[in-house]
Protein backbone atom coordinates (compact mmCIF):
# COMPACT_ATOMS: atom_id res chain seq x y z
CA MET A 1 -103.99 -11.54 280.49
CA ILE A 2 -104.54 -13.89 277.54
CA ASP A 3 -101.81 -16.51 277.00
CA TRP A 4 -102.67 -17.41 273.40
CA PRO A 5 -99.82 -16.43 271.07
CA LEU A 6 -100.74 -13.47 268.86
CA ALA A 7 -99.71 -15.43 265.76
CA GLU A 8 -102.56 -17.84 266.58
CA LEU A 9 -105.09 -15.00 266.95
CA LEU A 10 -104.22 -12.78 264.00
CA PRO A 11 -104.07 -13.57 260.30
CA HIS A 12 -100.72 -11.75 260.20
CA ALA A 13 -97.17 -13.02 260.41
CA GLY A 14 -93.77 -11.84 261.57
CA ASP A 15 -93.17 -8.09 261.55
CA MET A 16 -96.76 -7.38 260.49
CA ILE A 17 -97.97 -8.26 264.01
CA LEU A 18 -97.83 -4.82 265.62
CA ILE A 19 -99.62 -5.35 268.93
CA ASP A 20 -97.73 -7.00 271.80
CA GLN A 21 -100.40 -8.55 273.98
CA VAL A 22 -104.08 -9.16 274.54
CA LEU A 23 -104.84 -8.09 278.09
CA SER A 24 -108.51 -9.11 278.20
CA PHE A 25 -111.58 -9.69 276.06
CA ASP A 26 -115.22 -10.62 276.42
CA GLU A 27 -118.22 -10.84 274.09
CA GLU A 28 -118.28 -7.07 273.51
CA GLN A 29 -114.74 -5.74 273.82
CA ILE A 30 -110.99 -6.25 273.84
CA HIS A 31 -108.05 -4.57 275.56
CA THR A 32 -104.56 -4.85 274.04
CA ARG A 33 -101.24 -3.14 274.49
CA VAL A 34 -98.09 -2.31 272.57
CA THR A 35 -94.77 -0.68 273.39
CA VAL A 36 -93.29 1.40 270.57
CA LYS A 37 -90.01 -0.31 269.70
CA PRO A 38 -87.40 0.70 267.09
CA GLY A 39 -86.84 -1.09 263.82
CA GLY A 40 -90.43 -1.89 262.87
CA LEU A 41 -91.89 -1.66 259.40
CA PHE A 42 -93.51 1.71 260.05
CA ASN A 43 -91.02 3.37 262.40
CA ARG A 44 -89.55 6.73 261.56
CA PRO A 45 -85.74 7.17 261.76
CA ASP A 46 -86.04 8.33 265.40
CA GLY A 47 -87.93 5.13 266.33
CA SER A 48 -91.32 6.81 266.71
CA LEU A 49 -94.45 5.67 264.91
CA PRO A 50 -96.60 8.03 262.83
CA ALA A 51 -99.97 8.51 264.51
CA TRP A 52 -101.79 7.07 261.48
CA VAL A 53 -100.37 3.66 262.46
CA GLY A 54 -102.86 3.91 265.34
CA ILE A 55 -105.56 2.83 262.88
CA GLU A 56 -103.66 -0.40 262.20
CA LEU A 57 -103.10 -0.96 265.92
CA MET A 58 -106.84 -0.59 266.44
CA ALA A 59 -107.59 -2.88 263.49
CA GLN A 60 -105.23 -5.56 264.79
CA SER A 61 -106.91 -5.31 268.19
CA VAL A 62 -110.28 -5.91 266.51
CA ALA A 63 -108.75 -8.84 264.60
CA ALA A 64 -107.41 -10.22 267.90
CA TYR A 65 -110.94 -9.90 269.32
CA ALA A 66 -112.26 -12.07 266.48
CA GLY A 67 -109.36 -14.49 266.96
CA CYS A 68 -110.01 -14.78 270.71
CA ARG A 69 -113.70 -15.45 270.10
CA ALA A 70 -112.86 -18.09 267.50
CA ARG A 71 -110.32 -19.81 269.79
CA GLN A 72 -112.78 -19.72 272.68
CA LYS A 73 -115.36 -21.52 270.49
CA GLY A 74 -112.83 -24.02 269.13
CA GLU A 75 -113.06 -22.52 265.64
CA THR A 76 -110.29 -21.52 263.27
CA VAL A 77 -109.17 -17.92 263.05
CA GLU A 78 -110.41 -16.43 259.79
CA LEU A 79 -109.33 -13.53 257.66
CA GLY A 80 -111.08 -10.20 258.07
CA PHE A 81 -110.89 -6.85 256.33
CA LEU A 82 -110.71 -3.28 257.52
CA LEU A 83 -113.18 -1.52 255.23
CA GLY A 84 -112.58 1.94 256.56
CA THR A 85 -112.55 4.26 259.51
CA ARG A 86 -114.57 7.25 260.52
CA LYS A 87 -113.51 10.14 262.63
CA PHE A 88 -109.93 9.12 263.36
CA GLU A 89 -108.75 11.72 265.83
CA CYS A 90 -105.39 11.88 267.56
CA ASN A 91 -103.85 14.57 269.70
CA VAL A 92 -100.25 13.82 268.62
CA GLU A 93 -98.47 13.41 265.28
CA VAL A 94 -96.27 10.51 266.43
CA PHE A 95 -96.15 7.85 269.11
CA PRO A 96 -92.67 8.27 270.63
CA LEU A 97 -90.14 5.48 270.97
CA GLY A 98 -90.80 3.62 274.23
CA ALA A 99 -94.42 4.79 274.54
CA GLU A 100 -96.73 2.29 276.23
CA LEU A 101 -100.02 2.28 274.33
CA SER A 102 -103.29 0.71 275.43
CA ILE A 103 -105.96 -0.07 272.85
CA HIS A 104 -109.61 -0.69 273.65
CA GLY A 105 -112.08 -1.89 271.05
CA LEU A 106 -115.81 -2.01 271.79
CA ARG A 107 -118.18 -3.78 269.39
CA SER A 108 -121.12 -1.52 268.63
CA LEU A 109 -122.57 -3.50 265.72
CA GLU A 110 -122.10 -6.94 264.19
CA ASP A 111 -124.45 -8.69 261.79
CA ASP A 112 -124.78 -12.24 260.54
CA ASN A 113 -123.14 -11.35 257.21
CA GLY A 114 -119.81 -10.52 258.86
CA MET A 115 -120.09 -6.73 258.93
CA GLY A 116 -119.05 -5.03 262.15
CA VAL A 117 -118.43 -1.62 263.67
CA PHE A 118 -116.05 -1.05 266.59
CA GLU A 119 -115.48 2.06 268.67
CA CYS A 120 -111.74 2.13 269.37
CA HIS A 121 -109.57 4.17 271.70
CA LEU A 122 -105.80 4.26 271.96
CA THR A 123 -104.21 5.89 275.00
CA GLY A 124 -100.74 6.45 276.39
CA ASP A 125 -98.90 9.07 278.41
CA GLY A 126 -100.24 12.29 276.88
CA ILE A 127 -101.71 10.35 273.95
CA GLN A 128 -105.40 10.12 273.04
CA ALA A 129 -106.65 8.64 269.77
CA SER A 130 -110.04 7.34 268.73
CA ALA A 131 -111.79 6.00 265.66
CA ARG A 132 -114.79 4.02 264.53
CA LEU A 133 -113.67 1.03 262.46
CA ASN A 134 -115.85 -0.67 259.87
CA VAL A 135 -114.80 -4.28 259.40
CA PHE A 136 -115.89 -7.29 257.37
CA ARG A 137 -115.26 -10.94 258.10
CA PRO A 138 -116.80 -12.94 255.27
CA PRO A 139 -118.13 -16.37 256.06
CA GLN A 140 -115.56 -18.91 254.84
CA ALA A 141 -113.00 -16.26 253.93
CA ALA A 142 -110.76 -18.69 252.00
CA THR A 143 -113.62 -19.46 249.65
CA TYR A 144 -114.41 -15.75 249.38
CA LEU A 145 -110.86 -15.00 248.23
CA ASP A 146 -110.87 -17.88 245.73
CA GLU A 147 -114.12 -16.61 244.23
CA SER A 148 -112.73 -13.10 243.83
CA LYS A 149 -109.74 -14.51 241.87
CA ASP A 150 -112.16 -16.10 239.40
CA GLU A 151 -113.78 -12.71 238.74
CA THR A 152 -110.52 -10.98 237.81
CA PRO A 153 -110.27 -10.37 234.02
């Protein structure tokens, strides 16, 4: 289990942090977990989460992977972007209130320009979801965002 607070690993704050814990990580992969709790930003009235939120859970797990690697190297955690997903498949329409979900992200590609591809799986009792996430972590993300402001008409 990783003891670093999630707020120090993710470029998210408050209610936007959806995962509960990083269980383990290494150079190639990460394992996280979340328990579906009521009252979150994306919960339905019955407390369940729509299955499409699984993509964000996977993306936050990938972001936590980058955050863990940065912390391990003594670097600052930088902003990254989910560019898209391919082949999101899920065998349920919702994740029920109280469901314990495990997320596994495996890096299949990462280049020097900050582009990456992760094979992700989300599992729980009777729940199976998977997707391939395309992500981008620009070098010096703060500068990247400042430059994009200058280009806006």
